[in-house]
N, C-alpha and C. Protein backbone atom coordinates (compact mmCIF):
# COMPACT_ATOMS: atom_id res chain seq x y z
N MET A 1 -54.46 -54.51 -29.78
CA MET A 1 -53.43 -55.30 -28.91
C MET A 1 -54.06 -56.36 -28.04
N ALA A 2 -55.38 -56.34 -28.14
CA ALA A 2 -55.89 -57.67 -27.29
C ALA A 2 -55.88 -58.87 -28.52
N SER A 3 -56.12 -58.58 -29.47
CA SER A 3 -55.95 -59.74 -30.71
C SER A 3 -54.34 -60.25 -30.44
N LEU A 4 -53.65 -59.41 -30.60
CA LEU A 4 -52.00 -59.84 -30.41
C LEU A 4 -51.72 -60.64 -29.33
N LEU A 5 -52.46 -60.19 -28.39
CA LEU A 5 -52.15 -60.98 -26.90
C LEU A 5 -52.73 -62.22 -26.93
N SER A 6 -53.88 -62.55 -27.29
CA SER A 6 -54.68 -63.52 -27.30
C SER A 6 -54.44 -64.47 -28.46
N THR A 7 -53.95 -63.76 -29.56
CA THR A 7 -53.70 -64.80 -30.93
C THR A 7 -52.14 -65.37 -30.65
N PHE A 8 -51.42 -64.62 -30.31
CA PHE A 8 -49.92 -65.08 -30.50
C PHE A 8 -49.15 -64.97 -29.15
N ILE A 9 -49.16 -64.13 -28.06
CA ILE A 9 -48.66 -64.13 -27.01
C ILE A 9 -49.00 -65.17 -26.03
N LEU A 10 -50.23 -65.28 -25.93
CA LEU A 10 -50.89 -66.31 -24.81
C LEU A 10 -50.57 -67.71 -25.32
N PRO A 11 -50.82 -68.05 -26.39
CA PRO A 11 -50.57 -69.47 -26.70
C PRO A 11 -49.07 -69.82 -26.60
N ILE A 12 -48.13 -69.04 -26.84
CA ILE A 12 -46.79 -69.16 -26.69
C ILE A 12 -46.57 -69.37 -25.04
N ALA A 13 -47.11 -68.51 -24.34
CA ALA A 13 -47.00 -68.68 -22.74
C ALA A 13 -47.67 -69.89 -22.38
N VAL A 14 -48.75 -70.50 -22.85
CA VAL A 14 -49.34 -71.53 -22.25
C VAL A 14 -48.18 -72.76 -22.90
N ALA A 15 -48.02 -72.50 -24.13
CA ALA A 15 -47.13 -73.84 -24.67
C ALA A 15 -45.73 -73.88 -23.66
N ALA A 16 -45.30 -72.75 -23.32
CA ALA A 16 -44.01 -72.81 -22.46
C ALA A 16 -44.17 -73.60 -21.08
N VAL A 17 -45.37 -73.06 -20.36
CA VAL A 17 -45.70 -73.87 -19.42
C VAL A 17 -46.00 -75.58 -19.55
N ALA A 18 -46.64 -75.90 -20.68
CA ALA A 18 -46.58 -77.26 -20.86
C ALA A 18 -45.34 -77.84 -21.17
N VAL A 19 -44.43 -77.26 -21.91
CA VAL A 19 -42.95 -77.89 -22.23
C VAL A 19 -42.35 -77.94 -20.93
N VAL A 20 -42.46 -76.97 -20.27
CA VAL A 20 -41.66 -77.16 -18.65
C VAL A 20 -42.37 -78.24 -17.88
N LEU A 21 -43.51 -78.42 -17.79
CA LEU A 21 -44.24 -79.56 -17.10
C LEU A 21 -43.89 -80.66 -17.69
N LEU A 22 -43.90 -80.88 -19.01
CA LEU A 22 -43.38 -82.40 -19.63
C LEU A 22 -42.10 -82.54 -19.28
N LEU A 23 -40.99 -81.56 -19.29
CA LEU A 23 -39.76 -81.77 -19.07
C LEU A 23 -39.55 -82.13 -17.32
N GLY A 24 -40.06 -81.54 -16.55
CA GLY A 24 -40.12 -81.98 -15.32
C GLY A 24 -40.78 -83.47 -14.98
N LEU A 25 -41.69 -83.53 -15.63
CA LEU A 25 -42.29 -84.98 -15.61
C LEU A 25 -41.45 -86.16 -15.99
N VAL A 26 -40.76 -85.90 -17.20
CA VAL A 26 -39.84 -86.99 -17.67
C VAL A 26 -38.69 -87.01 -16.92
N ASN A 27 -38.16 -86.04 -16.27
CA ASN A 27 -37.07 -86.15 -15.47
C ASN A 27 -37.36 -86.89 -14.28
N MET A 28 -38.57 -86.81 -13.58
CA MET A 28 -39.13 -87.55 -12.39
C MET A 28 -39.05 -89.10 -12.78
N MET A 29 -39.84 -89.19 -14.18
CA MET A 29 -40.01 -90.55 -14.37
C MET A 29 -38.74 -91.45 -14.85
N ARG A 30 -37.80 -90.83 -15.18
CA ARG A 30 -36.70 -91.25 -15.70
C ARG A 30 -35.64 -91.49 -14.47
N GLY A 31 -35.76 -90.87 -13.32
CA GLY A 31 -35.20 -91.01 -11.89
C GLY A 31 -34.04 -90.10 -12.04
N GLY A 32 -34.32 -88.94 -12.72
CA GLY A 32 -33.32 -87.80 -12.71
C GLY A 32 -33.21 -87.08 -11.42
N SER A 33 -32.27 -86.23 -11.51
CA SER A 33 -32.05 -85.35 -10.20
C SER A 33 -33.33 -84.75 -9.71
N PRO A 34 -33.44 -84.95 -8.42
CA PRO A 34 -34.48 -84.23 -7.80
C PRO A 34 -34.44 -82.50 -7.70
N ASN A 35 -33.11 -82.24 -7.79
CA ASN A 35 -32.84 -81.00 -7.77
C ASN A 35 -33.44 -80.24 -9.14
N THR A 36 -33.10 -80.91 -10.27
CA THR A 36 -33.51 -80.59 -11.32
C THR A 36 -35.03 -80.64 -11.54
N SER A 37 -35.75 -81.64 -11.12
CA SER A 37 -37.07 -81.70 -11.17
C SER A 37 -37.60 -80.42 -10.16
N GLN A 38 -37.17 -80.03 -9.17
CA GLN A 38 -37.56 -78.89 -8.28
C GLN A 38 -37.42 -77.68 -9.20
N LYS A 39 -36.21 -77.54 -9.83
CA LYS A 39 -36.19 -76.22 -10.39
C LYS A 39 -37.25 -76.07 -11.77
N LEU A 40 -37.43 -77.27 -12.45
CA LEU A 40 -38.20 -77.21 -13.50
C LEU A 40 -39.78 -76.67 -12.77
N MET A 41 -40.25 -77.51 -11.77
CA MET A 41 -41.39 -77.17 -11.16
C MET A 41 -41.65 -75.90 -10.99
N ARG A 42 -40.61 -75.21 -10.29
CA ARG A 42 -40.83 -73.74 -9.81
C ARG A 42 -40.93 -72.81 -11.03
N LEU A 43 -40.02 -73.36 -12.08
CA LEU A 43 -39.96 -72.38 -13.44
C LEU A 43 -41.55 -72.31 -13.94
N ARG A 44 -42.08 -73.90 -14.03
CA ARG A 44 -43.44 -74.03 -14.04
C ARG A 44 -44.41 -73.07 -13.60
N VAL A 45 -44.60 -72.86 -12.32
CA VAL A 45 -45.02 -72.22 -11.43
C VAL A 45 -45.02 -70.69 -12.07
N LEU A 46 -43.81 -70.11 -12.25
CA LEU A 46 -43.52 -68.77 -12.61
C LEU A 46 -44.05 -68.58 -14.06
N LEU A 47 -44.04 -69.60 -14.93
CA LEU A 47 -44.54 -69.48 -16.14
C LEU A 47 -45.99 -69.52 -16.32
N GLN A 48 -46.72 -70.26 -15.17
CA GLN A 48 -47.97 -70.08 -15.11
C GLN A 48 -48.49 -68.65 -14.63
N PHE A 49 -47.93 -68.18 -13.71
CA PHE A 49 -48.09 -66.76 -13.45
C PHE A 49 -48.21 -65.75 -14.42
N VAL A 50 -47.17 -65.95 -15.33
CA VAL A 50 -46.92 -64.95 -16.35
C VAL A 50 -48.12 -65.21 -17.32
N ALA A 51 -48.50 -66.64 -17.64
CA ALA A 51 -49.43 -66.71 -18.46
C ALA A 51 -51.02 -66.29 -18.11
N ILE A 52 -51.11 -66.28 -16.92
CA ILE A 52 -52.49 -65.72 -15.98
C ILE A 52 -52.29 -64.22 -16.32
N VAL A 53 -51.37 -63.47 -16.19
CA VAL A 53 -51.13 -62.05 -16.06
C VAL A 53 -51.43 -61.77 -17.68
N ILE A 54 -51.09 -62.50 -18.78
CA ILE A 54 -50.98 -62.27 -19.98
C ILE A 54 -52.45 -62.46 -20.35
N ALA A 55 -53.22 -63.47 -19.67
CA ALA A 55 -54.76 -63.81 -19.87
C ALA A 55 -55.51 -62.67 -19.55
N MET A 56 -55.22 -62.15 -18.40
CA MET A 56 -56.16 -61.19 -17.89
C MET A 56 -55.93 -59.84 -18.33
N ILE A 57 -54.61 -59.64 -18.97
CA ILE A 57 -54.60 -58.27 -19.46
C ILE A 57 -55.12 -58.33 -20.99
N ALA A 58 -55.56 -59.46 -21.54
CA ALA A 58 -55.94 -59.70 -22.82
C ALA A 58 -57.27 -59.73 -22.57
N VAL A 59 -58.05 -59.99 -21.47
CA VAL A 59 -59.55 -59.92 -21.28
C VAL A 59 -59.81 -58.40 -21.09
N TRP A 60 -58.94 -57.73 -20.24
CA TRP A 60 -59.13 -56.18 -19.91
C TRP A 60 -59.10 -55.38 -21.07
N ALA A 61 -57.98 -55.80 -22.11
CA ALA A 61 -57.83 -55.19 -23.22
C ALA A 61 -59.17 -55.36 -24.33
N MET A 62 -59.65 -56.48 -24.19
CA MET A 62 -60.76 -56.91 -25.07
C MET A 62 -62.05 -55.99 -24.67
N GLY A 63 -62.10 -55.88 -23.22
CA GLY A 63 -63.26 -54.81 -22.74
C GLY A 63 -63.44 -53.64 -22.94
N ARG A 64 -62.16 -53.07 -23.33
CA ARG A 64 -62.12 -51.61 -23.60
C ARG A 64 -62.59 -51.29 -24.97
């Protein structure tokens, strides 16, 4: 379980955070809608929370 989390699921979660961050930054740099940037940054915060929870579960599972 720990290897599945740390090998596959955690990198996917971190990549999702990076993609949403880049989309938000690109939207802001191009002068896009502030509402879209705000939604993307809120999504980024949610995805960061999910990634941290997955990381903590993986650390917990490795210790067992």
